[in-house]
Amino acid sequence: MTPRKLNKLRQEVEGLRRKLGNIQARELVSLAGKVGRQPCNRGKEPTYEAQAYPEWFPLTIPQHSGGRIAKGTAASILNQLEQDLDALEEEEGDIDVEEDEEADG
């Protein structure tokens, strides 16, 4: 994932944080998909996993009628998605370092 795309996703997370009491489940599901998480069959609530990153914890995003998610729940989900972005950014940095080392060697 490019640094530009990562930055755009971080801006989207910050935008959602500004409206914590008014976040729709579909907004979080969309963001989870952009980060690389796919729906999977686990438990009662819809759960999303990153197939490419099995070490990431599954992420549950409740989807009840009304569609709005409680502030604390939304904040927790956004924290996890932000950690995913951090991991992607770190991986991007590792790839850049490896490419630089190959170019030098």
C-alpha atoms as a PDB file:
ATOM      1  CA  MET A   1       0.000   0.000   0.000  1.00  0.00           C
ATOM      2  CA  THR A   2       1.402   3.369  -0.970  1.00  0.00           C
ATOM      3  CA  PRO A   3       2.226   6.054   1.605  1.00  0.00           C
ATOM      4  CA  ARG A   4      -0.321   8.327  -0.072  1.00  0.00           C
ATOM      5  CA  LYS A   5      -3.102   5.760   0.354  1.00  0.00           C
ATOM      6  CA  LEU A   6      -2.076   5.142   3.976  1.00  0.00           C
ATOM      7  CA  ASN A   7      -2.248   8.883   4.645  1.00  0.00           C
ATOM      8  CA  LYS A   8      -5.707   9.083   3.085  1.00  0.00           C
ATOM      9  CA  LEU A   9      -6.923   6.198   5.267  1.00  0.00           C
ATOM     10  CA  ARG A  10      -5.491   7.888   8.375  1.00  0.00           C
ATOM     11  CA  GLN A  11      -7.410  11.035   7.466  1.00  0.00           C
ATOM     12  CA  GLU A  12     -10.565   8.950   7.143  1.00  0.00           C
ATOM     13  CA  VAL A  13      -9.964   7.475  10.620  1.00  0.00           C
ATOM     14  CA  GLU A  14      -9.504  10.978  12.057  1.00  0.00           C
ATOM     15  CA  GLY A  15     -12.689  12.144  10.360  1.00  0.00           C
ATOM     16  CA  LEU A  16     -14.606   9.288  11.955  1.00  0.00           C
ATOM     17  CA  ARG A  17     -13.077  10.054  15.361  1.00  0.00           C
ATOM     18  CA  ARG A  18     -14.506  13.582  15.131  1.00  0.00           C
ATOM     19  CA  LYS A  19     -18.009  12.177  14.865  1.00  0.00           C
ATOM     20  CA  LEU A  20     -17.716   9.313  17.365  1.00  0.00           C
ATOM     21  CA  GLY A  21     -21.325   9.454  18.562  1.00  0.00           C
ATOM     22  CA  ASN A  22     -22.692   9.344  15.048  1.00  0.00           C
ATOM     23  CA  ILE A  23     -20.815   6.590  13.197  1.00  0.00           C
ATOM     24  CA  GLN A  24     -22.722   4.119  11.064  1.00  0.00           C
ATOM     25  CA  ALA A  25     -21.605   0.477  11.038  1.00  0.00           C
ATOM     26  CA  ARG A  26     -21.295   0.572   7.248  1.00  0.00           C
ATOM     27  CA  GLU A  27     -18.659   3.337   7.510  1.00  0.00           C
ATOM     28  CA  LEU A  28     -16.475   1.129   9.717  1.00  0.00           C
ATOM     29  CA  VAL A  29     -17.072  -1.913   7.498  1.00  0.00           C
ATOM     30  CA  SER A  30     -15.989   0.129   4.477  1.00  0.00           C
ATOM     31  CA  LEU A  31     -12.832   1.311   6.254  1.00  0.00           C
ATOM     32  CA  ALA A  32     -12.029  -2.242   7.379  1.00  0.00           C
ATOM     33  CA  GLY A  33     -12.269  -3.386   3.762  1.00  0.00           C
ATOM     34  CA  LYS A  34      -9.929  -0.612   2.615  1.00  0.00           C
ATOM     35  CA  VAL A  35      -7.379  -1.703   5.224  1.00  0.00           C
ATOM     36  CA  GLY A  36      -7.524  -5.261   3.857  1.00  0.00           C
ATOM     37  CA  ARG A  37      -9.994  -7.022   6.113  1.00  0.00           C
ATOM     38  CA  GLN A  38     -12.529  -9.493   4.698  1.00  0.00           C
ATOM     39  CA  PRO A  39     -15.763 -10.801   6.269  1.00  0.00           C
ATOM     40  CA  CYS A  40     -15.454 -14.211   7.920  1.00  0.00           C
ATOM     41  CA  ASN A  41     -17.773 -16.577   9.791  1.00  0.00           C
ATOM     42  CA  ARG A  42     -17.056 -16.259  13.508  1.00  0.00           C
ATOM     43  CA  GLY A  43     -19.422 -15.769  16.403  1.00  0.00           C
ATOM     44  CA  LYS A  44     -22.703 -13.872  16.426  1.00  0.00           C
ATOM     45  CA  GLU A  45     -21.578 -10.478  15.173  1.00  0.00           C
ATOM     46  CA  PRO A  46     -20.035  -9.824  11.752  1.00  0.00           C
ATOM     47  CA  THR A  47     -16.278 -10.344  12.024  1.00  0.00           C
ATOM     48  CA  TYR A  48     -13.511  -9.240   9.698  1.00  0.00           C
ATOM     49  CA  GLU A  49     -10.071 -10.812   9.264  1.00  0.00           C
ATOM     50  CA  ALA A  50      -7.031  -9.869   7.238  1.00  0.00           C
ATOM     51  CA  GLN A  51      -6.281 -12.936   5.132  1.00  0.00           C
ATOM     52  CA  ALA A  52      -2.860 -11.556   4.210  1.00  0.00           C
ATOM     53  CA  TYR A  53      -1.986 -10.941   7.878  1.00  0.00           C
ATOM     54  CA  PRO A  54      -3.039 -13.936   9.996  1.00  0.00           C
ATOM     55  CA  GLU A  55      -1.260 -12.468  13.045  1.00  0.00           C
ATOM     56  CA  TRP A  56      -3.818  -9.603  13.168  1.00  0.00           C
ATOM     57  CA  PHE A  57      -6.678 -10.146  15.576  1.00  0.00           C
ATOM     58  CA  PRO A  58     -10.165 -10.590  14.106  1.00  0.00           C
ATOM     59  CA  LEU A  59     -12.238  -7.406  14.238  1.00  0.00           C
ATOM     60  CA  THR A  60     -15.916  -7.508  15.177  1.00  0.00           C
ATOM     61  CA  ILE A  61     -18.143  -4.683  13.968  1.00  0.00           C
ATOM     62  CA  PRO A  62     -21.670  -4.906  15.419  1.00  0.00           C
ATOM     63  CA  GLN A  63     -24.463  -4.166  12.961  1.00  0.00           C
ATOM     64  CA  HIS A  64     -27.709  -3.694  14.850  1.00  0.00           C
ATOM     65  CA  SER A  65     -30.853  -2.013  13.646  1.00  0.00           C
ATOM     66  CA  GLY A  66     -30.475   1.741  13.707  1.00  0.00           C
ATOM     67  CA  GLY A  67     -26.950   1.355  12.390  1.00  0.00           C
ATOM     68  CA  ARG A  68     -25.245   3.671  14.903  1.00  0.00           C
ATOM     69  CA  ILE A  69     -22.415   2.311  17.003  1.00  0.00           C
ATOM     70  CA  ALA A  70     -21.811   3.298  20.635  1.00  0.00           C
ATOM     71  CA  LYS A  71     -18.950   5.776  21.189  1.00  0.00           C
ATOM     72  CA  GLY A  72     -16.740   3.371  23.140  1.00  0.00           C
ATOM     73  CA  THR A  73     -17.243   0.544  20.668  1.00  0.00           C
ATOM     74  CA  ALA A  74     -16.531   2.812  17.694  1.00  0.00           C
ATOM     75  CA  ALA A  75     -13.405   4.196  19.386  1.00  0.00           C
ATOM     76  CA  SER A  76     -12.142   0.666  20.052  1.00  0.00           C
ATOM     77  CA  ILE A  77     -12.735  -0.385  16.435  1.00  0.00           C
ATOM     78  CA  LEU A  78     -10.980   2.747  15.159  1.00  0.00           C
ATOM     79  CA  ASN A  79      -8.036   2.054  17.498  1.00  0.00           C
ATOM     80  CA  GLN A  80      -7.684  -1.428  16.015  1.00  0.00           C
ATOM     81  CA  LEU A  81      -7.916  -0.131  12.439  1.00  0.00           C
ATOM     82  CA  GLU A  82      -5.280   2.482  13.277  1.00  0.00           C
ATOM     83  CA  GLN A  83      -3.000  -0.299  14.560  1.00  0.00           C
ATOM     84  CA  ASP A  84      -3.559  -2.083  11.252  1.00  0.00           C
ATOM     85  CA  LEU A  85      -2.483   1.071   9.410  1.00  0.00           C
ATOM     86  CA  ASP A  86       0.604   1.308  11.634  1.00  0.00           C
ATOM     87  CA  ALA A  87       1.518  -2.287  10.746  1.00  0.00           C
ATOM     88  CA  LEU A  88       1.010  -1.600   7.037  1.00  0.00           C
ATOM     89  CA  GLU A  89       3.132   1.539   7.274  1.00  0.00           C
ATOM     90  CA  GLU A  90       5.880  -0.346   9.092  1.00  0.00           C
ATOM     91  CA  GLU A  91       5.787  -3.070   6.457  1.00  0.00           C
ATOM     92  CA  GLU A  92       6.013  -0.424   3.720  1.00  0.00           C
ATOM     93  CA  GLY A  93       9.083   1.020   5.454  1.00  0.00           C
ATOM     94  CA  ASP A  94      10.671  -2.428   5.659  1.00  0.00           C
ATOM     95  CA  ILE A  95      10.118  -2.962   1.936  1.00  0.00           C
ATOM     96  CA  ASP A  96      11.721   0.408   1.126  1.00  0.00           C
ATOM     97  CA  VAL A  97      14.777  -0.445   3.252  1.00  0.00           C
ATOM     98  CA  GLU A  98      15.150  -3.831   1.547  1.00  0.00           C
ATOM     99  CA  GLU A  99      14.907  -2.238  -1.913  1.00  0.00           C
ATOM    100  CA  ASP A 100      17.554   0.346  -0.945  1.00  0.00           C
ATOM    101  CA  GLU A 101      19.880  -2.384   0.316  1.00  0.00           C
ATOM    102  CA  GLU A 102      19.436  -4.358  -2.924  1.00  0.00           C
ATOM    103  CA  ALA A 103      20.167  -1.258  -5.005  1.00  0.00           C
ATOM    104  CA  ASP A 104      23.330  -0.576  -2.976  1.00  0.00           C
ATOM    105  CA  GLY A 105      24.554  -4.180  -3.047  1.00  0.00           C
END
